[in-house]
């Protein structure tokens, strides 16, 4: 059965954006507990791992460059969510947040 990559990526983009909205709102909660931050981080990591499996599947097919670009954009969303939730957890644990050199974020 052939995979409809356009539909798959549209669904994944929609899902990632919905999760991003939820994560952003949750991270803004002033009294978010460490346990809640841990659960949030795990949920984000699970979503990122699921999308990594989709990327692995795409690598096994001859995928149009536009679709690869779209997939990379979705992967970036998951990476940003992962770093944001990890940083919240680190701060809750009294650790410094992860910072990237400016040349990596431009």
N, C-alpha and C. Protein backbone atom coordinates (compact mmCIF):
# COMPACT_ATOMS: atom_id res chain seq x y z
N UNK A 1 0.85 -1.18 0.00
CA UNK A 1 0.00 0.00 0.00
C UNK A 1 0.90 1.25 0.00
N UNK A 2 0.65 2.12 -0.92
CA UNK A 2 1.44 3.35 -1.04
C UNK A 2 1.03 4.34 0.05
N UNK A 3 2.02 5.05 0.55
CA UNK A 3 1.77 6.05 1.58
C UNK A 3 1.52 7.40 0.92
N UNK A 4 0.47 8.05 1.33
CA UNK A 4 0.17 9.40 0.85
C UNK A 4 0.96 10.36 1.73
N UNK A 5 2.17 10.73 1.25
CA UNK A 5 3.06 11.54 2.06
C UNK A 5 2.53 12.95 2.29
N UNK A 6 1.82 13.49 1.32
CA UNK A 6 1.24 14.84 1.49
C UNK A 6 0.24 14.82 2.65
N UNK A 7 -0.66 13.86 2.62
CA UNK A 7 -1.66 13.76 3.69
C UNK A 7 -0.99 13.46 5.03
N UNK A 8 -0.03 12.56 5.03
CA UNK A 8 0.67 12.21 6.26
C UNK A 8 1.33 13.43 6.87
N UNK A 9 2.03 14.21 6.05
CA UNK A 9 2.72 15.40 6.56
C UNK A 9 1.75 16.49 6.98
N UNK A 10 0.63 16.62 6.27
CA UNK A 10 -0.39 17.59 6.69
C UNK A 10 -0.93 17.23 8.07
N UNK A 11 -1.23 15.95 8.26
CA UNK A 11 -1.74 15.50 9.56
C UNK A 11 -0.70 15.69 10.65
N UNK A 12 0.55 15.37 10.34
CA UNK A 12 1.62 15.51 11.33
C UNK A 12 1.88 16.98 11.68
N UNK A 13 1.81 17.85 10.68
CA UNK A 13 2.00 19.28 10.92
C UNK A 13 0.89 19.81 11.82
N UNK A 14 -0.33 19.42 11.53
CA UNK A 14 -1.48 19.85 12.33
C UNK A 14 -1.33 19.36 13.77
N UNK A 15 -0.94 18.11 13.93
CA UNK A 15 -0.76 17.53 15.26
C UNK A 15 0.36 18.25 16.02
N UNK A 16 1.49 18.47 15.36
CA UNK A 16 2.63 19.13 16.00
C UNK A 16 2.27 20.55 16.43
N UNK A 17 1.52 21.26 15.59
CA UNK A 17 1.11 22.62 15.95
C UNK A 17 0.15 22.62 17.13
N UNK A 18 -0.75 21.65 17.17
CA UNK A 18 -1.68 21.54 18.30
C UNK A 18 -0.91 21.24 19.59
N UNK A 19 0.03 20.32 19.52
CA UNK A 19 0.84 20.00 20.69
C UNK A 19 1.67 21.22 21.11
N UNK A 20 2.22 21.94 20.12
CA UNK A 20 3.01 23.13 20.42
C UNK A 20 2.17 24.17 21.17
N UNK A 21 0.94 24.36 20.74
CA UNK A 21 0.05 25.30 21.44
C UNK A 21 -0.20 24.84 22.88
N UNK A 22 -0.48 23.55 23.04
CA UNK A 22 -0.73 23.00 24.38
C UNK A 22 0.50 23.11 25.27
N UNK A 23 1.67 22.79 24.70
CA UNK A 23 2.91 22.84 25.48
C UNK A 23 3.21 24.29 25.88
N UNK A 24 3.04 25.21 24.96
CA UNK A 24 3.30 26.62 25.26
C UNK A 24 2.43 27.09 26.42
N UNK A 25 1.15 26.77 26.36
CA UNK A 25 0.23 27.17 27.44
C UNK A 25 0.63 26.51 28.76
N UNK A 26 1.00 25.24 28.70
CA UNK A 26 1.35 24.51 29.92
C UNK A 26 2.63 25.06 30.53
N UNK A 27 3.61 25.38 29.70
CA UNK A 27 4.88 25.90 30.22
C UNK A 27 4.72 27.27 30.88
N UNK A 28 3.65 27.97 30.56
CA UNK A 28 3.39 29.28 31.14
C UNK A 28 2.74 29.21 32.53
N UNK A 29 2.34 28.03 32.94
CA UNK A 29 1.69 27.87 34.25
C UNK A 29 2.74 28.11 35.33
N UNK A 30 2.47 29.10 36.16
CA UNK A 30 3.44 29.52 37.17
C UNK A 30 3.74 28.42 38.19
N UNK A 31 2.73 27.67 38.58
CA UNK A 31 2.94 26.66 39.62
C UNK A 31 3.00 25.23 39.05
N UNK A 32 3.50 25.11 37.83
CA UNK A 32 3.70 23.80 37.23
C UNK A 32 4.67 23.00 38.10
N UNK A 33 4.27 21.82 38.48
CA UNK A 33 5.13 21.02 39.35
C UNK A 33 6.21 20.30 38.55
N UNK A 34 7.21 19.83 39.25
CA UNK A 34 8.27 19.07 38.60
C UNK A 34 7.69 17.80 37.97
N UNK A 35 6.78 17.15 38.66
CA UNK A 35 6.16 15.93 38.13
C UNK A 35 5.40 16.23 36.85
N UNK A 36 4.70 17.34 36.81
CA UNK A 36 3.98 17.73 35.59
C UNK A 36 4.96 18.04 34.47
N UNK A 37 6.06 18.70 34.79
CA UNK A 37 7.07 19.01 33.78
C UNK A 37 7.69 17.73 33.22
N UNK A 38 7.90 16.74 34.08
CA UNK A 38 8.43 15.45 33.63
C UNK A 38 7.44 14.79 32.67
N UNK A 39 6.17 14.77 33.03
CA UNK A 39 5.16 14.15 32.16
C UNK A 39 5.08 14.87 30.82
N UNK A 40 5.12 16.19 30.87
CA UNK A 40 5.06 16.98 29.63
C UNK A 40 6.26 16.65 28.74
N UNK A 41 7.44 16.59 29.33
CA UNK A 41 8.65 16.25 28.58
C UNK A 41 8.52 14.87 27.94
N UNK A 42 8.00 13.92 28.68
CA UNK A 42 7.84 12.55 28.15
C UNK A 42 6.85 12.51 26.99
N UNK A 43 5.77 13.26 27.10
CA UNK A 43 4.78 13.31 26.01
C UNK A 43 5.43 13.89 24.75
N UNK A 44 6.18 14.97 24.91
CA UNK A 44 6.85 15.60 23.76
C UNK A 44 7.86 14.62 23.15
N UNK A 45 8.64 13.96 23.98
CA UNK A 45 9.63 13.02 23.47
C UNK A 45 8.97 11.85 22.73
N UNK A 46 7.84 11.40 23.22
CA UNK A 46 7.11 10.33 22.55
C UNK A 46 6.64 10.80 21.17
N UNK A 47 6.12 12.01 21.09
CA UNK A 47 5.70 12.56 19.80
C UNK A 47 6.87 12.71 18.85
N UNK A 48 8.00 13.18 19.37
CA UNK A 48 9.20 13.35 18.54
C UNK A 48 9.69 12.00 18.02
N UNK A 49 9.68 10.99 18.85
CA UNK A 49 10.12 9.66 18.43
C UNK A 49 9.18 9.08 17.37
N UNK A 50 7.90 9.32 17.53
CA UNK A 50 6.94 8.86 16.53
C UNK A 50 7.22 9.53 15.19
N UNK A 51 7.48 10.83 15.22
CA UNK A 51 7.78 11.53 13.97
C UNK A 51 9.12 11.07 13.40
N UNK A 52 10.08 10.74 14.24
CA UNK A 52 11.36 10.20 13.76
C UNK A 52 11.14 8.92 12.96
N UNK A 53 10.19 8.09 13.38
CA UNK A 53 9.89 6.86 12.64
C UNK A 53 9.32 7.19 11.25
N UNK A 54 8.53 8.25 11.18
CA UNK A 54 8.01 8.69 9.88
C UNK A 54 9.16 9.17 9.01
N UNK A 55 10.08 9.92 9.58
CA UNK A 55 11.25 10.38 8.82
C UNK A 55 12.07 9.20 8.32
N UNK A 56 12.24 8.19 9.16
CA UNK A 56 12.98 6.99 8.75
C UNK A 56 12.29 6.31 7.57
N UNK A 57 10.97 6.25 7.63
CA UNK A 57 10.19 5.65 6.53
C UNK A 57 10.36 6.48 5.25
N UNK A 58 10.35 7.79 5.39
CA UNK A 58 10.53 8.66 4.23
C UNK A 58 11.90 8.46 3.60
N UNK A 59 12.91 8.22 4.44
CA UNK A 59 14.27 8.01 3.93
C UNK A 59 14.36 6.77 3.04
N UNK A 60 13.45 5.86 3.21
CA UNK A 60 13.46 4.62 2.44
C UNK A 60 12.75 4.76 1.09
N UNK A 61 12.21 5.93 0.84
CA UNK A 61 11.48 6.17 -0.41
C UNK A 61 12.07 7.38 -1.13
N UNK A 62 11.81 7.47 -2.39
CA UNK A 62 12.26 8.61 -3.19
C UNK A 62 11.22 9.72 -3.03
N UNK A 63 11.46 10.60 -2.06
CA UNK A 63 10.50 11.62 -1.69
C UNK A 63 10.91 12.96 -2.31
N UNK A 64 9.93 13.68 -2.83
CA UNK A 64 10.14 15.01 -3.41
C UNK A 64 10.78 15.95 -2.39
N UNK A 65 11.68 16.81 -2.87
CA UNK A 65 12.40 17.74 -1.99
C UNK A 65 11.46 18.65 -1.20
N UNK A 66 10.34 19.04 -1.80
CA UNK A 66 9.38 19.89 -1.09
C UNK A 66 8.82 19.16 0.14
N UNK A 67 8.56 17.88 -0.02
CA UNK A 67 8.03 17.10 1.10
C UNK A 67 9.10 16.89 2.17
N UNK A 68 10.33 16.70 1.73
CA UNK A 68 11.44 16.57 2.69
C UNK A 68 11.57 17.87 3.48
N UNK A 69 11.48 19.00 2.80
CA UNK A 69 11.53 20.30 3.48
C UNK A 69 10.41 20.46 4.48
N UNK A 70 9.21 20.03 4.11
CA UNK A 70 8.06 20.11 5.03
C UNK A 70 8.31 19.21 6.24
N UNK A 71 8.85 18.04 6.00
CA UNK A 71 9.15 17.11 7.10
C UNK A 71 10.20 17.70 8.04
N UNK A 72 11.19 18.36 7.47
CA UNK A 72 12.22 18.99 8.31
C UNK A 72 11.64 20.11 9.17
N UNK A 73 10.68 20.83 8.63
CA UNK A 73 10.01 21.89 9.40
C UNK A 73 9.26 21.28 10.58
N UNK A 74 8.57 20.18 10.35
CA UNK A 74 7.85 19.51 11.44
C UNK A 74 8.84 18.97 12.47
N UNK A 75 9.94 18.40 12.00
CA UNK A 75 10.97 17.90 12.92
C UNK A 75 11.51 19.02 13.78
N UNK A 76 11.66 20.21 13.20
CA UNK A 76 12.13 21.37 13.97
C UNK A 76 11.15 21.74 15.07
N UNK A 77 9.86 21.62 14.79
CA UNK A 77 8.86 21.90 15.82
C UNK A 77 9.07 20.96 17.00
N UNK A 78 9.24 19.68 16.71
CA UNK A 78 9.45 18.70 17.78
C UNK A 78 10.74 18.97 18.54
N UNK A 79 11.79 19.35 17.83
CA UNK A 79 13.06 19.66 18.49
C UNK A 79 12.90 20.85 19.42
N UNK A 80 12.25 21.89 18.95
CA UNK A 80 12.02 23.08 19.78
C UNK A 80 11.17 22.76 21.01
N UNK A 81 10.16 21.93 20.83
CA UNK A 81 9.32 21.53 21.96
C UNK A 81 10.13 20.70 22.96
N UNK A 82 10.98 19.85 22.46
CA UNK A 82 11.82 19.03 23.32
C UNK A 82 12.75 19.89 24.17
N UNK A 83 13.39 20.85 23.52
CA UNK A 83 14.31 21.74 24.25
C UNK A 83 13.53 22.60 25.26
N UNK A 84 12.38 23.11 24.86
CA UNK A 84 11.59 23.96 25.76
C UNK A 84 11.14 23.18 26.99
N UNK A 85 10.66 21.95 26.79
CA UNK A 85 10.20 21.16 27.94
C UNK A 85 11.38 20.70 28.79
N UNK A 86 12.50 20.35 28.15
CA UNK A 86 13.70 19.97 28.92
C UNK A 86 14.18 21.15 29.76
N UNK A 87 14.16 22.34 29.18
CA UNK A 87 14.60 23.52 29.92
C UNK A 87 13.69 23.81 31.11
N UNK A 88 12.40 23.66 30.92
CA UNK A 88 11.47 23.87 32.04
C UNK A 88 11.77 22.88 33.16
N UNK A 89 11.99 21.65 32.78
CA UNK A 89 12.31 20.62 33.76
C UNK A 89 13.64 20.92 34.46
N UNK A 90 14.64 21.34 33.69
CA UNK A 90 15.94 21.68 34.27
C UNK A 90 15.81 22.82 35.28
N UNK A 91 15.07 23.84 34.92
CA UNK A 91 14.87 24.97 35.82
C UNK A 91 14.16 24.51 37.10
N UNK A 92 13.16 23.66 36.94
CA UNK A 92 12.44 23.12 38.10
C UNK A 92 13.38 22.35 39.02
N UNK A 93 14.41 21.74 38.43
CA UNK A 93 15.37 20.95 39.21
C UNK A 93 16.56 21.79 39.69
N UNK A 94 16.51 23.10 39.43
CA UNK A 94 17.56 23.99 39.88
C UNK A 94 18.79 23.99 38.97
N UNK A 95 18.63 23.50 37.75
CA UNK A 95 19.73 23.47 36.79
C UNK A 95 19.59 24.61 35.78
N UNK A 96 20.68 24.94 35.15
CA UNK A 96 20.65 25.97 34.11
C UNK A 96 19.98 25.41 32.85
N UNK A 97 19.23 26.25 32.14
CA UNK A 97 18.62 25.78 30.89
C UNK A 97 19.67 25.53 29.81
N UNK A 98 19.32 24.73 28.86
CA UNK A 98 20.18 24.45 27.71
C UNK A 98 20.21 25.70 26.84
N UNK A 99 21.40 26.15 26.50
CA UNK A 99 21.53 27.30 25.62
C UNK A 99 22.37 26.89 24.42
N UNK A 100 22.02 27.44 23.27
CA UNK A 100 22.73 27.14 22.04
C UNK A 100 23.51 28.37 21.60
N UNK A 101 24.68 28.17 21.02
CA UNK A 101 25.42 29.32 20.49
C UNK A 101 24.58 30.03 19.43
N UNK A 102 24.70 31.35 19.34
CA UNK A 102 23.87 32.13 18.39
C UNK A 102 23.94 31.61 16.96
N UNK A 103 25.10 31.14 16.53
CA UNK A 103 25.23 30.70 15.13
C UNK A 103 24.39 29.44 14.85
N UNK A 104 24.01 28.70 15.89
CA UNK A 104 23.16 27.53 15.70
C UNK A 104 21.69 27.88 15.65
N UNK A 105 21.33 29.03 16.13
CA UNK A 105 19.92 29.40 16.18
C UNK A 105 19.52 30.35 15.06
N UNK A 106 20.47 30.75 14.24
CA UNK A 106 20.15 31.69 13.15
C UNK A 106 19.79 30.97 11.88
